[in-house]
Every structure is written in C-alpha cells, then in structure tokens.
N, C-alpha and C. Protein backbone atom coordinates (compact mmCIF):
# COMPACT_ATOMS: atom_id res chain seq x y z
N MET A 1 -7.36 -10.27 -14.45
CA MET A 1 -8.40 -10.67 -13.34
C MET A 1 -9.41 -11.60 -14.20
N ASN A 2 -9.90 -12.28 -13.33
CA ASN A 2 -10.85 -13.34 -13.97
C ASN A 2 -12.30 -12.40 -14.22
N PRO A 3 -13.07 -12.90 -15.41
CA PRO A 3 -14.27 -12.18 -15.43
C PRO A 3 -15.38 -12.53 -14.04
N GLY A 4 -15.95 -11.16 -13.93
CA GLY A 4 -16.76 -11.26 -12.90
C GLY A 4 -16.09 -11.04 -11.28
N SER A 5 -14.67 -10.77 -11.46
CA SER A 5 -14.11 -10.66 -10.05
C SER A 5 -13.89 -9.14 -9.88
N SER A 6 -13.62 -8.91 -8.84
CA SER A 6 -13.41 -7.49 -8.44
C SER A 6 -12.01 -7.26 -7.97
N HIS A 7 -11.77 -5.97 -8.05
CA HIS A 7 -10.32 -5.51 -7.03
C HIS A 7 -10.49 -6.06 -5.57
N GLN A 8 -11.75 -6.09 -5.03
CA GLN A 8 -11.99 -6.55 -3.67
C GLN A 8 -11.52 -8.12 -3.23
N ASP A 9 -11.44 -8.65 -4.43
CA ASP A 9 -11.15 -10.19 -4.35
C ASP A 9 -9.78 -10.33 -4.43
N LEU A 10 -9.03 -9.25 -4.69
CA LEU A 10 -7.46 -9.45 -4.65
C LEU A 10 -6.94 -9.46 -3.38
N VAL A 11 -6.06 -10.27 -2.79
CA VAL A 11 -5.44 -10.27 -1.62
C VAL A 11 -4.63 -9.24 -1.42
N ALA A 12 -3.77 -8.72 -2.47
CA ALA A 12 -2.94 -7.66 -2.36
C ALA A 12 -4.02 -6.28 -2.03
N TRP A 13 -4.98 -6.09 -2.43
CA TRP A 13 -5.82 -5.01 -2.29
C TRP A 13 -6.44 -5.32 -0.79
N GLN A 14 -7.02 -6.50 -0.41
CA GLN A 14 -7.31 -6.45 0.89
C GLN A 14 -6.36 -6.14 2.15
N GLU A 15 -4.96 -6.60 1.85
CA GLU A 15 -4.08 -6.39 2.78
C GLU A 15 -3.51 -4.83 2.88
N ALA A 16 -3.58 -4.37 1.50
CA ALA A 16 -3.29 -3.02 1.49
C ALA A 16 -4.48 -2.04 2.21
N MET A 17 -5.49 -2.59 2.12
CA MET A 17 -6.66 -1.91 2.87
C MET A 17 -6.19 -2.13 4.45
N ARG A 18 -5.84 -3.12 4.68
CA ARG A 18 -5.73 -3.29 6.31
C ARG A 18 -4.43 -2.46 6.62
N LEU A 19 -3.55 -2.28 5.48
CA LEU A 19 -2.28 -1.35 6.06
C LEU A 19 -2.70 -0.17 6.35
N VAL A 20 -3.80 0.48 5.28
CA VAL A 20 -4.23 1.95 5.55
C VAL A 20 -4.91 2.09 6.74
N GLU A 21 -5.78 1.11 7.35
CA GLU A 21 -5.98 0.84 8.69
C GLU A 21 -5.18 1.36 9.56
N MET A 22 -4.16 0.36 9.58
CA MET A 22 -3.11 0.49 10.70
C MET A 22 -2.20 1.93 10.58
N VAL A 23 -1.88 2.35 9.39
CA VAL A 23 -1.23 3.73 9.29
C VAL A 23 -2.05 4.73 9.78
N TYR A 24 -3.47 4.57 9.67
CA TYR A 24 -4.40 5.70 10.35
C TYR A 24 -4.28 5.57 11.81
N ARG A 25 -4.35 4.49 12.45
CA ARG A 25 -4.38 4.17 14.02
C ARG A 25 -2.99 4.53 14.43
N CYS A 26 -1.83 4.34 13.61
CA CYS A 26 -0.55 4.60 14.12
C CYS A 26 -0.30 6.18 14.02
N THR A 27 -0.77 6.89 13.28
CA THR A 27 -0.61 8.34 12.80
C THR A 27 -1.34 9.02 13.73
N ALA A 28 -2.45 8.50 14.23
CA ALA A 28 -3.38 9.22 15.14
C ALA A 28 -2.51 9.41 16.65
N LEU A 29 -1.38 8.84 16.87
CA LEU A 29 -0.45 9.04 17.90
C LEU A 29 0.38 9.78 17.71
N PHE A 30 0.71 10.26 16.58
CA PHE A 30 1.90 11.16 16.30
C PHE A 30 1.42 12.53 16.86
N PRO A 31 2.69 13.34 17.11
CA PRO A 31 2.55 14.59 17.86
C PRO A 31 1.61 15.41 16.87
N LYS A 32 0.81 16.08 17.56
CA LYS A 32 0.06 17.04 16.73
C LYS A 32 0.51 18.22 15.65
N VAL A 33 2.01 18.36 16.15
CA VAL A 33 2.86 19.18 15.05
C VAL A 33 2.86 18.49 13.91
N GLU A 34 2.71 17.09 13.65
CA GLU A 34 2.98 16.50 12.54
C GLU A 34 1.40 16.23 11.76
N MET A 35 0.53 16.73 12.26
CA MET A 35 -0.99 16.65 11.72
C MET A 35 -0.82 16.70 10.05
N PHE A 36 -0.11 18.09 9.76
CA PHE A 36 -0.13 18.23 8.43
C PHE A 36 1.26 17.98 7.79
N GLY A 37 2.01 17.21 8.36
CA GLY A 37 3.38 16.91 7.87
C GLY A 37 3.45 15.39 7.53
N LEU A 38 4.23 14.87 8.59
CA LEU A 38 4.49 13.43 8.24
C LEU A 38 3.50 12.50 8.08
N SER A 39 2.67 12.88 9.13
CA SER A 39 1.21 12.06 9.32
C SER A 39 0.40 12.09 8.08
N ALA A 40 0.03 13.34 7.90
CA ALA A 40 -0.74 13.43 6.31
C ALA A 40 0.01 12.90 5.26
N GLN A 41 1.33 12.72 4.97
CA GLN A 41 1.89 12.22 3.90
C GLN A 41 1.89 10.84 3.69
N LEU A 42 2.11 10.32 5.10
CA LEU A 42 1.92 8.89 5.35
C LEU A 42 0.48 8.31 4.98
N ARG A 43 -0.40 8.98 5.45
CA ARG A 43 -1.76 8.35 5.12
C ARG A 43 -2.04 8.48 3.78
N ARG A 44 -1.67 9.63 2.95
CA ARG A 44 -2.00 9.80 1.31
C ARG A 44 -1.07 8.77 0.94
N SER A 45 0.09 8.51 1.07
CA SER A 45 0.88 7.49 0.53
C SER A 45 0.17 5.92 0.69
N ALA A 46 -0.24 5.86 1.75
CA ALA A 46 -0.81 4.52 2.32
C ALA A 46 -2.22 4.40 1.41
N VAL A 47 -3.11 5.36 1.49
CA VAL A 47 -4.34 5.27 0.57
C VAL A 47 -3.91 4.86 -0.86
N SER A 48 -3.17 5.66 -1.24
CA SER A 48 -2.68 5.51 -2.92
C SER A 48 -2.33 3.87 -3.33
N ILE A 49 -1.91 3.01 -2.33
CA ILE A 49 -1.66 1.59 -2.40
C ILE A 49 -2.97 0.88 -3.01
N PRO A 50 -4.00 1.09 -2.38
CA PRO A 50 -5.16 -0.03 -2.73
C PRO A 50 -5.85 0.68 -3.81
N SER A 51 -5.69 2.47 -3.78
CA SER A 51 -6.26 2.93 -4.85
C SER A 51 -5.89 2.57 -6.26
N ASN A 52 -4.91 2.51 -6.10
CA ASN A 52 -4.01 2.22 -7.63
C ASN A 52 -4.20 0.74 -7.90
N ILE A 53 -4.28 -0.22 -6.82
CA ILE A 53 -4.64 -1.60 -7.20
C ILE A 53 -6.13 -1.52 -7.90
N ALA A 54 -6.98 -0.85 -7.34
CA ALA A 54 -8.35 -0.77 -7.67
C ALA A 54 -8.60 -0.34 -9.07
N GLU A 55 -7.67 0.84 -9.28
CA GLU A 55 -7.80 1.62 -10.65
C GLU A 55 -7.40 0.73 -11.65
N GLY A 56 -6.30 0.06 -11.30
CA GLY A 56 -5.47 -0.76 -12.49
C GLY A 56 -6.45 -2.12 -12.80
N ALA A 57 -7.18 -2.68 -11.64
CA ALA A 57 -8.06 -3.77 -11.68
C ALA A 57 -9.37 -3.52 -12.58
N GLY A 58 -9.61 -2.19 -12.44
CA GLY A 58 -10.78 -1.58 -13.20
C GLY A 58 -10.71 -1.25 -14.58
N ARG A 59 -9.34 -1.28 -15.19
CA ARG A 59 -9.09 -1.05 -16.54
C ARG A 59 -9.29 -2.15 -17.40
N ASN A 60 -9.01 -1.90 -18.51
CA ASN A 60 -9.36 -2.95 -19.60
C ASN A 60 -8.19 -4.15 -19.76
N SER A 61 -7.19 -4.10 -19.38
CA SER A 61 -6.14 -5.00 -19.67
C SER A 61 -5.17 -5.19 -18.53
N SER A 62 -4.51 -6.30 -18.65
CA SER A 62 -3.67 -7.02 -17.53
C SER A 62 -2.47 -5.94 -17.83
N ARG A 63 -2.31 -5.58 -19.07
CA ARG A 63 -1.01 -4.49 -19.29
C ARG A 63 -1.16 -3.18 -18.15
N GLU A 64 -2.42 -2.87 -18.22
CA GLU A 64 -2.72 -1.48 -17.38
C GLU A 64 -2.66 -2.01 -15.83
N LEU A 65 -3.31 -2.96 -15.54
CA LEU A 65 -3.18 -3.41 -14.16
C LEU A 65 -1.89 -3.64 -13.66
N PHE A 66 -0.80 -4.26 -14.58
CA PHE A 66 0.66 -4.34 -14.04
C PHE A 66 1.14 -2.99 -14.07
N GLN A 67 0.57 -2.01 -14.86
CA GLN A 67 1.26 -0.65 -14.74
C GLN A 67 0.95 -0.06 -13.36
N PHE A 68 -0.39 -0.12 -12.99
CA PHE A 68 -0.83 0.64 -11.72
C PHE A 68 -0.31 -0.41 -10.51
N LEU A 69 -0.11 -1.39 -10.57
CA LEU A 69 0.63 -2.52 -9.50
C LEU A 69 1.92 -1.76 -9.19
N GLY A 70 2.68 -1.42 -10.63
CA GLY A 70 3.98 -0.63 -10.29
C GLY A 70 3.83 0.75 -9.37
N ILE A 71 2.71 1.57 -9.61
CA ILE A 71 2.51 2.64 -9.18
C ILE A 71 2.38 2.29 -7.72
N ALA A 72 1.56 1.40 -7.45
CA ALA A 72 1.29 1.24 -6.10
C ALA A 72 2.41 0.81 -5.31
N ASN A 73 3.28 -0.02 -5.96
CA ASN A 73 4.50 -0.31 -5.27
C ASN A 73 5.42 0.80 -5.28
N GLY A 74 5.39 1.71 -5.77
CA GLY A 74 6.07 3.14 -5.45
C GLY A 74 5.66 3.81 -4.48
N SER A 75 4.32 3.91 -4.24
CA SER A 75 3.55 4.31 -3.02
C SER A 75 3.92 3.58 -1.80
N LEU A 76 4.20 2.33 -1.87
CA LEU A 76 4.43 1.59 -0.72
C LEU A 76 5.95 1.83 -0.42
N ALA A 77 6.90 1.92 -1.23
CA ALA A 77 8.01 2.51 -1.03
C ALA A 77 8.23 3.75 -0.24
N GLU A 78 7.29 4.64 -0.43
CA GLU A 78 7.06 6.07 0.23
C GLU A 78 6.78 5.52 1.71
N VAL A 79 5.68 4.82 1.66
CA VAL A 79 5.03 4.27 3.00
C VAL A 79 6.31 3.89 3.96
N GLN A 80 6.98 2.81 3.30
CA GLN A 80 7.99 2.33 4.11
C GLN A 80 9.17 3.25 4.77
N THR A 81 9.46 4.22 3.73
CA THR A 81 10.41 5.34 3.95
C THR A 81 9.92 6.07 5.10
N GLN A 82 8.57 6.59 4.93
CA GLN A 82 8.02 7.28 6.10
C GLN A 82 7.89 6.70 7.37
N LEU A 83 7.58 5.33 7.18
CA LEU A 83 7.45 4.40 8.57
C LEU A 83 8.90 4.72 9.19
N GLU A 84 9.66 4.50 8.39
CA GLU A 84 11.31 4.52 8.99
C GLU A 84 11.58 5.88 9.52
N ILE A 85 11.26 7.05 8.78
CA ILE A 85 11.36 8.37 9.26
C ILE A 85 10.44 8.47 10.68
N ALA A 86 9.44 8.04 10.83
CA ALA A 86 8.74 8.06 11.99
C ALA A 86 9.43 7.21 13.17
N ARG A 87 9.72 6.19 12.82
CA ARG A 87 10.39 5.17 14.01
C ARG A 87 11.74 5.87 14.39
N ARG A 88 12.46 6.61 13.69
CA ARG A 88 13.66 7.19 14.09
C ARG A 88 13.41 8.47 14.87
N LEU A 89 12.18 9.15 14.60
CA LEU A 89 11.58 10.28 15.21
C LEU A 89 11.13 9.73 16.65
N GLY A 90 11.08 8.51 16.81
CA GLY A 90 10.18 7.97 17.99
C GLY A 90 8.82 8.11 17.96
N TYR A 91 8.30 8.45 16.90
CA TYR A 91 6.44 8.54 16.87
C TYR A 91 6.09 7.34 16.90
N LEU A 92 6.62 6.06 16.37
CA LEU A 92 5.80 4.82 16.17
C LEU A 92 6.07 4.31 17.75
N GLU A 93 4.72 3.50 18.03
CA GLU A 93 4.79 2.72 19.18
C GLU A 93 5.83 1.70 18.93
N PRO A 94 6.37 1.02 20.07
CA PRO A 94 7.26 -0.10 20.02
C PRO A 94 6.45 -1.22 19.56
N GLY A 95 6.77 -2.14 18.75
CA GLY A 95 6.50 -3.41 18.08
C GLY A 95 5.00 -3.08 17.42
N THR A 96 4.97 -1.78 16.82
CA THR A 96 3.77 -1.55 15.90
C THR A 96 4.08 -2.40 14.90
N GLU A 97 3.00 -2.90 14.25
CA GLU A 97 2.89 -3.95 13.10
C GLU A 97 3.14 -3.32 11.71
N CYS A 98 2.87 -2.05 11.55
CA CYS A 98 2.91 -1.30 10.16
C CYS A 98 4.01 -1.61 9.57
N PRO A 99 5.30 -1.62 9.91
CA PRO A 99 6.28 -2.06 8.83
C PRO A 99 6.28 -3.61 8.63
N LYS A 100 5.87 -4.33 9.29
CA LYS A 100 5.61 -5.77 8.71
C LYS A 100 4.37 -5.85 7.80
N GLN A 101 3.35 -5.20 8.02
CA GLN A 101 2.19 -5.21 7.20
C GLN A 101 2.68 -4.67 5.82
N ALA A 102 3.46 -3.68 5.92
CA ALA A 102 3.77 -2.81 4.55
C ALA A 102 4.77 -3.88 3.76
N SER A 103 5.57 -4.75 4.61
CA SER A 103 6.74 -5.76 3.79
C SER A 103 5.44 -6.63 3.17
N ARG A 104 4.61 -7.20 3.95
CA ARG A 104 3.50 -8.31 3.25
C ARG A 104 2.94 -7.71 2.15
N VAL A 105 2.42 -6.60 2.04
CA VAL A 105 1.80 -5.99 0.90
C VAL A 105 2.66 -5.99 -0.10
N GLY A 106 4.25 -5.59 0.11
CA GLY A 106 5.00 -5.51 -1.14
C GLY A 106 5.45 -6.67 -1.63
N LYS A 107 5.35 -7.82 -0.78
CA LYS A 107 5.41 -9.23 -1.51
C LYS A 107 4.34 -9.65 -2.23
N LEU A 108 2.88 -9.26 -1.68
CA LEU A 108 2.02 -9.68 -2.39
C LEU A 108 1.82 -8.76 -3.80
N LEU A 109 2.33 -7.41 -3.96
CA LEU A 109 2.51 -6.83 -5.09
C LEU A 109 3.47 -7.37 -6.06
N ILE A 110 4.40 -7.86 -5.56
CA ILE A 110 5.52 -8.45 -6.39
C ILE A 110 4.99 -9.71 -6.77
N GLY A 111 4.19 -10.60 -6.28
CA GLY A 111 3.70 -11.63 -6.67
C GLY A 111 2.49 -11.47 -7.72
N LEU A 112 1.87 -10.63 -7.41
CA LEU A 112 0.66 -10.22 -8.53
C LEU A 112 1.46 -9.99 -9.74
N ARG A 113 2.10 -9.09 -9.67
CA ARG A 113 2.94 -8.59 -11.02
C ARG A 113 3.69 -9.68 -11.59
N ARG A 114 4.15 -10.41 -10.96
CA ARG A 114 5.08 -11.73 -11.49
C ARG A 114 3.98 -12.63 -12.34
N ALA A 115 2.96 -12.70 -11.53
CA ALA A 115 1.82 -13.74 -12.11
C ALA A 115 1.32 -13.08 -13.44
N ILE A 116 1.07 -11.77 -13.43
CA ILE A 116 0.75 -11.09 -14.65
C ILE A 116 1.71 -11.27 -15.86
N GLN A 117 2.87 -11.10 -15.33
CA GLN A 117 4.05 -11.09 -16.30
C GLN A 117 4.09 -12.57 -16.79
N ASP A 118 3.74 -13.72 -16.06
CA ASP A 118 4.04 -15.01 -16.55
C ASP A 118 2.84 -15.23 -17.34
N ARG A 119 1.90 -14.60 -17.25
CA ARG A 119 0.68 -14.79 -18.43
C ARG A 119 1.01 -14.29 -19.47
N GLY A 120 2.13 -13.34 -19.72
CA GLY A 120 2.40 -12.87 -21.04
C GLY A 120 1.79 -11.63 -21.38
N ILE A 121 1.64 -10.66 -20.43
CA ILE A 121 1.20 -9.39 -20.65
C ILE A 121 1.54 -8.93 -21.90
C-alpha cells in the first residue's frame, strides 16, 4: 500500500464491505430455523473477508498483506459455497446479487494479490 493510504482506499475492501451488507440482507430472509446455522456461518464468513483485508493492510509489509489476502480469499470460497447451499435449499430470493458480488470480490482479490506479487513481495 502507498504511504498515507488506508485499507478503506482499497477497492477490494470497499466491495467486500458491500458484499457483507448484501449477505446480511439476504440472510435476514432465511427461515428462523437457520438463525444459528447457515445464516450465522454465512455472515461470519462474509465479515471475515474485509476484516482480513484490513488486517493485512494494517501490517508492516506487502508480504503480510499478500498472506491476509489469501486468507480473505479462503473466506470468500466459504461464502460462495454457503451461498450455493442456500440457493439449493431455496433460501435465496431469485435474482439476488450476492453470488455476483462474491465473484466480483474474488476477481479484485486475485488482482490485488497479483499486483503485490508483480512488485516482488
């Protein structure tokens, strides 16, 4: 990251935060029986994505940011899997944008990791 910049300046973090908002809205419509199951797990996984981006950006090196972006990518894979489970169970509203936003965040994470790698972490 550039000196004087914050994790909040990263488009990947901004879009991950948007994904969290979308996940919370989607899971609010899940059956009450899922309150402590799939809904809670999906929310935790989604929150983990921008949290790990922020933590990595707050560390002292590009190498650490790269590592935390990898962890964020793992959480994203969890979110995508859980969204697919929710879709298969009929919990997601037709046309929900959550899966598309998750895919967008994934592309941004890959691009950010690639940029760090190209700079020679």
